[in-house]
Amino acid sequence: MAEGNQGEAGGSLGKIITVIVIVAVIVAGFVYFKKGKNSADVADATKYQAVFLTNGQTYFGKVSNEKRAYVSLNDVYYLVLKRPLQTQQQTEGEPTPPATPEYSLIKLGKEMHGPTSMSINKDQILFIENLADDSKVVSAIKGAQK
Protein backbone atom coordinates (compact mmCIF):
# COMPACT_ATOMS: atom_id res chain seq x y z
CA MET A 1 0.00 0.00 0.00
CA ALA A 2 2.92 2.35 0.64
CA GLU A 3 4.07 1.81 -2.95
CA GLY A 4 0.63 2.83 -4.29
CA ASN A 5 0.76 6.14 -2.42
CA GLN A 6 4.25 6.85 -3.77
CA GLY A 7 3.04 6.28 -7.33
CA GLU A 8 0.15 8.72 -6.87
CA ALA A 9 2.45 11.33 -5.32
CA GLY A 10 4.93 10.95 -8.19
CA GLY A 11 2.10 11.29 -10.72
CA SER A 12 0.77 14.44 -9.02
CA LEU A 13 4.26 15.93 -8.92
CA GLY A 14 4.67 15.19 -12.63
CA LYS A 15 1.36 16.93 -13.41
CA ILE A 16 2.37 19.97 -11.33
CA ILE A 17 5.74 20.21 -13.10
CA THR A 18 4.01 19.92 -16.49
CA VAL A 19 1.57 22.72 -15.61
CA ILE A 20 4.44 24.93 -14.36
CA VAL A 21 6.41 24.35 -17.57
CA ILE A 22 3.37 25.16 -19.74
CA VAL A 23 2.66 28.37 -17.79
CA ALA A 24 6.34 29.37 -18.01
CA VAL A 25 6.34 28.84 -21.79
CA ILE A 26 3.16 30.92 -22.19
CA VAL A 27 4.55 33.76 -20.04
CA ALA A 28 7.90 33.69 -21.87
CA GLY A 29 6.11 33.78 -25.24
CA PHE A 30 3.95 36.72 -24.16
CA VAL A 31 6.98 38.66 -22.89
CA TYR A 32 8.94 37.89 -26.08
CA PHE A 33 6.18 39.06 -28.43
CA LYS A 34 5.28 42.10 -26.31
CA LYS A 35 8.93 43.16 -26.14
CA GLY A 36 9.44 42.55 -29.85
CA LYS A 37 6.37 44.65 -30.70
CA ASN A 38 7.52 47.62 -28.64
CA SER A 39 11.23 47.47 -29.36
CA ALA A 40 11.04 48.07 -33.10
CA ASP A 41 10.49 51.65 -34.16
CA VAL A 42 7.85 51.91 -36.86
CA ALA A 43 8.58 55.52 -37.74
CA ASP A 44 11.40 56.30 -40.14
CA ALA A 45 12.87 59.60 -38.88
CA THR A 46 13.52 60.74 -42.47
CA LYS A 47 9.86 60.41 -43.53
CA TYR A 48 6.43 61.71 -42.63
CA GLN A 49 4.00 59.30 -41.00
CA ALA A 50 0.23 58.84 -41.04
CA VAL A 51 -1.13 58.15 -37.54
CA PHE A 52 -4.54 56.46 -37.55
CA LEU A 53 -6.53 56.82 -34.32
CA THR A 54 -9.33 54.75 -32.83
CA ASN A 55 -11.79 57.67 -33.23
CA GLY A 56 -11.37 57.71 -37.03
CA GLN A 57 -9.06 60.74 -37.13
CA THR A 58 -5.83 60.61 -39.11
CA TYR A 59 -2.91 62.94 -38.51
CA PHE A 60 0.22 63.38 -40.62
CA GLY A 61 3.58 64.47 -39.27
CA LYS A 62 6.90 63.36 -37.81
CA VAL A 63 6.54 60.73 -35.07
CA SER A 64 8.93 60.46 -32.12
CA ASN A 65 8.94 58.83 -28.68
CA GLU A 66 7.19 55.70 -29.93
CA LYS A 67 8.27 53.67 -26.91
CA ARG A 68 6.55 55.93 -24.37
CA ALA A 69 2.93 56.01 -23.22
CA TYR A 70 2.37 59.16 -25.31
CA VAL A 71 3.68 59.33 -28.88
CA SER A 72 4.87 62.78 -30.00
CA LEU A 73 3.81 64.13 -33.37
CA ASN A 74 5.50 67.25 -34.78
CA ASP A 75 4.93 69.27 -37.96
CA VAL A 76 1.32 68.05 -37.77
CA TYR A 77 -1.26 68.20 -40.57
CA TYR A 78 -4.76 66.78 -40.90
CA LEU A 79 -7.40 66.50 -43.62
CA VAL A 80 -10.69 68.40 -43.62
CA LEU A 81 -13.51 67.56 -46.01
CA LYS A 82 -14.58 70.58 -48.09
CA ARG A 83 -18.34 70.80 -48.41
CA PRO A 84 -19.97 72.89 -51.13
CA LEU A 85 -21.94 75.85 -49.80
CA GLN A 86 -24.75 75.34 -52.31
CA THR A 87 -25.81 72.43 -54.42
CA GLN A 88 -26.11 73.00 -58.15
CA GLN A 89 -29.61 73.19 -59.59
CA GLN A 90 -30.39 70.24 -61.81
CA THR A 91 -32.70 70.51 -64.79
CA GLU A 92 -35.39 67.91 -64.96
CA GLY A 93 -34.27 64.65 -66.51
CA GLU A 94 -30.53 65.23 -66.08
CA PRO A 95 -28.67 62.73 -63.96
CA THR A 96 -27.09 64.07 -60.81
CA PRO A 97 -23.31 64.14 -61.21
CA PRO A 98 -21.51 62.04 -58.63
CA ALA A 99 -20.08 64.10 -55.81
CA THR A 100 -16.33 63.67 -55.50
CA PRO A 101 -15.10 64.56 -52.06
CA GLU A 102 -12.47 67.29 -51.86
CA TYR A 103 -10.10 67.53 -48.95
CA SER A 104 -7.94 70.34 -47.61
CA LEU A 105 -4.71 69.67 -45.79
CA ILE A 106 -4.60 71.87 -42.67
CA LYS A 107 -1.50 72.54 -40.59
CA LEU A 108 -1.99 72.14 -36.86
CA GLY A 109 -1.58 75.56 -35.26
CA LYS A 110 -4.12 77.43 -37.36
CA GLU A 111 -6.69 76.82 -34.63
CA MET A 112 -7.54 79.51 -32.06
CA HIS A 113 -5.43 77.92 -29.34
CA GLY A 114 -2.40 77.62 -31.68
CA PRO A 115 -0.96 74.19 -30.82
CA THR A 116 2.58 73.51 -32.05
CA SER A 117 2.77 69.74 -31.56
CA MET A 118 0.64 66.84 -30.44
CA SER A 119 1.04 64.08 -27.84
CA ILE A 120 -1.18 61.08 -28.51
CA ASN A 121 -1.98 58.36 -25.99
CA LYS A 122 -0.51 55.17 -27.45
CA ASP A 123 -3.72 53.28 -26.57
CA GLN A 124 -5.63 55.52 -29.02
CA ILE A 125 -3.39 54.65 -31.99
CA LEU A 126 -4.55 51.90 -34.33
CA PHE A 127 -1.42 51.97 -36.49
CA ILE A 128 1.30 54.19 -37.94
CA GLU A 129 2.43 54.18 -41.57
CA ASN A 130 5.51 55.75 -43.14
CA LEU A 131 4.52 57.90 -46.13
CA ALA A 132 6.32 57.75 -49.47
CA ASP A 133 8.16 60.93 -50.43
CA ASP A 134 6.13 61.15 -53.64
CA SER A 135 2.70 60.63 -52.00
CA LYS A 136 0.01 63.28 -52.49
CA VAL A 137 0.01 64.11 -48.77
CA VAL A 138 3.79 64.61 -48.57
CA SER A 139 3.72 66.66 -51.79
CA ALA A 140 0.98 68.87 -50.31
CA ILE A 141 2.94 69.29 -47.06
CA LYS A 142 6.08 70.28 -48.94
CA GLY A 143 4.03 72.69 -51.06
CA ALA A 144 2.53 74.28 -47.93
CA GLN A 145 5.97 74.75 -46.40
CA LYS A 146 7.24 76.85 -49.33
C-alpha atoms as a PDB file:
ATOM      1  CA  MET A   1       0.000   0.000   0.000  1.00  0.00           C
ATOM      2  CA  ALA A   2       2.917   2.346   0.635  1.00  0.00           C
ATOM      3  CA  GLU A   3       4.075   1.807  -2.953  1.00  0.00           C
ATOM      4  CA  GLY A   4       0.635   2.831  -4.291  1.00  0.00           C
ATOM      5  CA  ASN A   5       0.759   6.136  -2.417  1.00  0.00           C
ATOM      6  CA  GLN A   6       4.249   6.850  -3.767  1.00  0.00           C
ATOM      7  CA  GLY A   7       3.036   6.275  -7.328  1.00  0.00           C
ATOM      8  CA  GLU A   8       0.155   8.719  -6.865  1.00  0.00           C
ATOM      9  CA  ALA A   9       2.453  11.327  -5.319  1.00  0.00           C
ATOM     10  CA  GLY A  10       4.934  10.952  -8.185  1.00  0.00           C
ATOM     11  CA  GLY A  11       2.100  11.293 -10.719  1.00  0.00           C
ATOM     12  CA  SER A  12       0.771  14.435  -9.021  1.00  0.00           C
ATOM     13  CA  LEU A  13       4.259  15.928  -8.920  1.00  0.00           C
ATOM     14  CA  GLY A  14       4.668  15.193 -12.631  1.00  0.00           C
ATOM     15  CA  LYS A  15       1.362  16.931 -13.405  1.00  0.00           C
ATOM     16  CA  ILE A  16       2.368  19.975 -11.333  1.00  0.00           C
ATOM     17  CA  ILE A  17       5.737  20.210 -13.097  1.00  0.00           C
ATOM     18  CA  THR A  18       4.006  19.920 -16.489  1.00  0.00           C
ATOM     19  CA  VAL A  19       1.574  22.725 -15.606  1.00  0.00           C
ATOM     20  CA  ILE A  20       4.440  24.933 -14.356  1.00  0.00           C
ATOM     21  CA  VAL A  21       6.412  24.345 -17.568  1.00  0.00           C
ATOM     22  CA  ILE A  22       3.371  25.158 -19.741  1.00  0.00           C
ATOM     23  CA  VAL A  23       2.660  28.365 -17.786  1.00  0.00           C
ATOM     24  CA  ALA A  24       6.342  29.373 -18.009  1.00  0.00           C
ATOM     25  CA  VAL A  25       6.342  28.842 -21.794  1.00  0.00           C
ATOM     26  CA  ILE A  26       3.164  30.917 -22.186  1.00  0.00           C
ATOM     27  CA  VAL A  27       4.551  33.762 -20.044  1.00  0.00           C
ATOM     28  CA  ALA A  28       7.899  33.687 -21.874  1.00  0.00           C
ATOM     29  CA  GLY A  29       6.108  33.782 -25.243  1.00  0.00           C
ATOM     30  CA  PHE A  30       3.953  36.723 -24.163  1.00  0.00           C
ATOM     31  CA  VAL A  31       6.980  38.664 -22.893  1.00  0.00           C
ATOM     32  CA  TYR A  32       8.936  37.889 -26.078  1.00  0.00           C
ATOM     33  CA  PHE A  33       6.175  39.063 -28.433  1.00  0.00           C
ATOM     34  CA  LYS A  34       5.283  42.098 -26.314  1.00  0.00           C
ATOM     35  CA  LYS A  35       8.925  43.165 -26.139  1.00  0.00           C
ATOM     36  CA  GLY A  36       9.436  42.551 -29.846  1.00  0.00           C
ATOM     37  CA  LYS A  37       6.374  44.650 -30.703  1.00  0.00           C
ATOM     38  CA  ASN A  38       7.520  47.617 -28.639  1.00  0.00           C
ATOM     39  CA  SER A  39      11.230  47.470 -29.361  1.00  0.00           C
ATOM     40  CA  ALA A  40      11.039  48.067 -33.104  1.00  0.00           C
ATOM     41  CA  ASP A  41      10.486  51.654 -34.161  1.00  0.00           C
ATOM     42  CA  VAL A  42       7.847  51.912 -36.856  1.00  0.00           C
ATOM     43  CA  ALA A  43       8.577  55.517 -37.742  1.00  0.00           C
ATOM     44  CA  ASP A  44      11.400  56.305 -40.138  1.00  0.00           C
ATOM     45  CA  ALA A  45      12.867  59.603 -38.883  1.00  0.00           C
ATOM     46  CA  THR A  46      13.516  60.744 -42.466  1.00  0.00           C
ATOM     47  CA  LYS A  47       9.865  60.410 -43.529  1.00  0.00           C
ATOM     48  CA  TYR A  48       6.434  61.708 -42.634  1.00  0.00           C
ATOM     49  CA  GLN A  49       3.997  59.301 -41.002  1.00  0.00           C
ATOM     50  CA  ALA A  50       0.233  58.840 -41.036  1.00  0.00           C
ATOM     51  CA  VAL A  51      -1.134  58.149 -37.543  1.00  0.00           C
ATOM     52  CA  PHE A  52      -4.544  56.462 -37.552  1.00  0.00           C
ATOM     53  CA  LEU A  53      -6.532  56.822 -34.324  1.00  0.00           C
ATOM     54  CA  THR A  54      -9.326  54.749 -32.830  1.00  0.00           C
ATOM     55  CA  ASN A  55     -11.786  57.667 -33.229  1.00  0.00           C
ATOM     56  CA  GLY A  56     -11.369  57.711 -37.027  1.00  0.00           C
ATOM     57  CA  GLN A  57      -9.061  60.744 -37.132  1.00  0.00           C
ATOM     58  CA  THR A  58      -5.827  60.607 -39.108  1.00  0.00           C
ATOM     59  CA  TYR A  59      -2.909  62.942 -38.515  1.00  0.00           C
ATOM     60  CA  PHE A  60       0.224  63.377 -40.617  1.00  0.00           C
ATOM     61  CA  GLY A  61       3.584  64.474 -39.268  1.00  0.00           C
ATOM     62  CA  LYS A  62       6.899  63.364 -37.811  1.00  0.00           C
ATOM     63  CA  VAL A  63       6.543  60.734 -35.072  1.00  0.00           C
ATOM     64  CA  SER A  64       8.931  60.465 -32.125  1.00  0.00           C
ATOM     65  CA  ASN A  65       8.941  58.833 -28.675  1.00  0.00           C
ATOM     66  CA  GLU A  66       7.191  55.698 -29.931  1.00  0.00           C
ATOM     67  CA  LYS A  67       8.268  53.674 -26.913  1.00  0.00           C
ATOM     68  CA  ARG A  68       6.554  55.931 -24.367  1.00  0.00           C
ATOM     69  CA  ALA A  69       2.929  56.007 -23.221  1.00  0.00           C
ATOM     70  CA  TYR A  70       2.374  59.155 -25.310  1.00  0.00           C
ATOM     71  CA  VAL A  71       3.682  59.329 -28.877  1.00  0.00           C
ATOM     72  CA  SER A  72       4.871  62.782 -29.995  1.00  0.00           C
ATOM     73  CA  LEU A  73       3.815  64.132 -33.374  1.00  0.00           C
ATOM     74  CA  ASN A  74       5.501  67.250 -34.777  1.00  0.00           C
ATOM     75  CA  ASP A  75       4.933  69.268 -37.956  1.00  0.00           C
ATOM     76  CA  VAL A  76       1.320  68.048 -37.771  1.00  0.00           C
ATOM     77  CA  TYR A  77      -1.262  68.201 -40.569  1.00  0.00           C
ATOM     78  CA  TYR A  78      -4.756  66.776 -40.903  1.00  0.00           C
ATOM     79  CA  LEU A  79      -7.396  66.499 -43.623  1.00  0.00           C
ATOM     80  CA  VAL A  80     -10.686  68.402 -43.624  1.00  0.00           C
ATOM     81  CA  LEU A  81     -13.509  67.561 -46.013  1.00  0.00           C
ATOM     82  CA  LYS A  82     -14.582  70.577 -48.090  1.00  0.00           C
ATOM     83  CA  ARG A  83     -18.338  70.804 -48.411  1.00  0.00           C
ATOM     84  CA  PRO A  84     -19.965  72.889 -51.126  1.00  0.00           C
ATOM     85  CA  LEU A  85     -21.945  75.850 -49.804  1.00  0.00           C
ATOM     86  CA  GLN A  86     -24.755  75.341 -52.305  1.00  0.00           C
ATOM     87  CA  THR A  87     -25.806  72.430 -54.420  1.00  0.00           C
ATOM     88  CA  GLN A  88     -26.106  72.999 -58.147  1.00  0.00           C
ATOM     89  CA  GLN A  89     -29.605  73.188 -59.590  1.00  0.00           C
ATOM     90  CA  GLN A  90     -30.392  70.237 -61.810  1.00  0.00           C
ATOM     91  CA  THR A  91     -32.703  70.509 -64.792  1.00  0.00           C
ATOM     92  CA  GLU A  92     -35.385  67.912 -64.964  1.00  0.00           C
ATOM     93  CA  GLY A  93     -34.273  64.653 -66.506  1.00  0.00           C
ATOM     94  CA  GLU A  94     -30.532  65.233 -66.082  1.00  0.00           C
ATOM     95  CA  PRO A  95     -28.673  62.726 -63.957  1.00  0.00           C
ATOM     96  CA  THR A  96     -27.091  64.067 -60.808  1.00  0.00           C
ATOM     97  CA  PRO A  97     -23.312  64.135 -61.214  1.00  0.00           C
ATOM     98  CA  PRO A  98     -21.507  62.039 -58.634  1.00  0.00           C
ATOM     99  CA  ALA A  99     -20.082  64.099 -55.812  1.00  0.00           C
ATOM    100  CA  THR A 100     -16.334  63.667 -55.505  1.00  0.00           C
ATOM    101  CA  PRO A 101     -15.096  64.562 -52.062  1.00  0.00           C
ATOM    102  CA  GLU A 102     -12.473  67.288 -51.862  1.00  0.00           C
ATOM    103  CA  TYR A 103     -10.103  67.534 -48.953  1.00  0.00           C
ATOM    104  CA  SER A 104      -7.944  70.339 -47.609  1.00  0.00           C
ATOM    105  CA  LEU A 105      -4.707  69.675 -45.785  1.00  0.00           C
ATOM    106  CA  ILE A 106      -4.605  71.874 -42.673  1.00  0.00           C
ATOM    107  CA  LYS A 107      -1.499  72.539 -40.588  1.00  0.00           C
ATOM    108  CA  LEU A 108      -1.990  72.144 -36.859  1.00  0.00           C
ATOM    109  CA  GLY A 109      -1.576  75.556 -35.263  1.00  0.00           C
ATOM    110  CA  LYS A 110      -4.124  77.431 -37.365  1.00  0.00           C
ATOM    111  CA  GLU A 111      -6.692  76.823 -34.625  1.00  0.00           C
ATOM    112  CA  MET A 112      -7.545  79.512 -32.060  1.00  0.00           C
ATOM    113  CA  HIS A 113      -5.433  77.917 -29.340  1.00  0.00           C
ATOM    114  CA  GLY A 114      -2.404  77.618 -31.683  1.00  0.00           C
ATOM    115  CA  PRO A 115      -0.958  74.194 -30.822  1.00  0.00           C
ATOM    116  CA  THR A 116       2.576  73.510 -32.050  1.00  0.00           C
ATOM    117  CA  SER A 117       2.772  69.742 -31.559  1.00  0.00           C
ATOM    118  CA  MET A 118       0.644  66.838 -30.437  1.00  0.00           C
ATOM    119  CA  SER A 119       1.038  64.081 -27.843  1.00  0.00           C
ATOM    120  CA  ILE A 120      -1.176  61.076 -28.515  1.00  0.00           C
ATOM    121  CA  ASN A 121      -1.985  58.359 -25.992  1.00  0.00           C
ATOM    122  CA  LYS A 122      -0.512  55.168 -27.448  1.00  0.00           C
ATOM    123  CA  ASP A 123      -3.724  53.281 -26.568  1.00  0.00           C
ATOM    124  CA  GLN A 124      -5.633  55.521 -29.022  1.00  0.00           C
ATOM    125  CA  ILE A 125      -3.389  54.654 -31.987  1.00  0.00           C
ATOM    126  CA  LEU A 126      -4.545  51.899 -34.333  1.00  0.00           C
ATOM    127  CA  PHE A 127      -1.425  51.970 -36.493  1.00  0.00           C
ATOM    128  CA  ILE A 128       1.300  54.191 -37.936  1.00  0.00           C
ATOM    129  CA  GLU A 129       2.432  54.184 -41.565  1.00  0.00           C
ATOM    130  CA  ASN A 130       5.509  55.751 -43.145  1.00  0.00           C
ATOM    131  CA  LEU A 131       4.523  57.903 -46.131  1.00  0.00           C
ATOM    132  CA  ALA A 132       6.317  57.747 -49.474  1.00  0.00           C
ATOM    133  CA  ASP A 133       8.159  60.926 -50.429  1.00  0.00           C
ATOM    134  CA  ASP A 134       6.126  61.146 -53.642  1.00  0.00           C
ATOM    135  CA  SER A 135       2.704  60.631 -51.999  1.00  0.00           C
ATOM    136  CA  LYS A 136       0.006  63.276 -52.487  1.00  0.00           C
ATOM    137  CA  VAL A 137       0.011  64.113 -48.773  1.00  0.00           C
ATOM    138  CA  VAL A 138       3.792  64.613 -48.568  1.00  0.00           C
ATOM    139  CA  SER A 139       3.725  66.662 -51.786  1.00  0.00           C
ATOM    140  CA  ALA A 140       0.978  68.867 -50.312  1.00  0.00           C
ATOM    141  CA  ILE A 141       2.940  69.285 -47.056  1.00  0.00           C
ATOM    142  CA  LYS A 142       6.083  70.282 -48.939  1.00  0.00           C
ATOM    143  CA  GLY A 143       4.028  72.690 -51.059  1.00  0.00           C
ATOM    144  CA  ALA A 144       2.529  74.280 -47.933  1.00  0.00           C
ATOM    145  CA  GLN A 145       5.974  74.746 -46.396  1.00  0.00           C
ATOM    146  CA  LYS A 146       7.241  76.849 -49.326  1.00  0.00           C
END
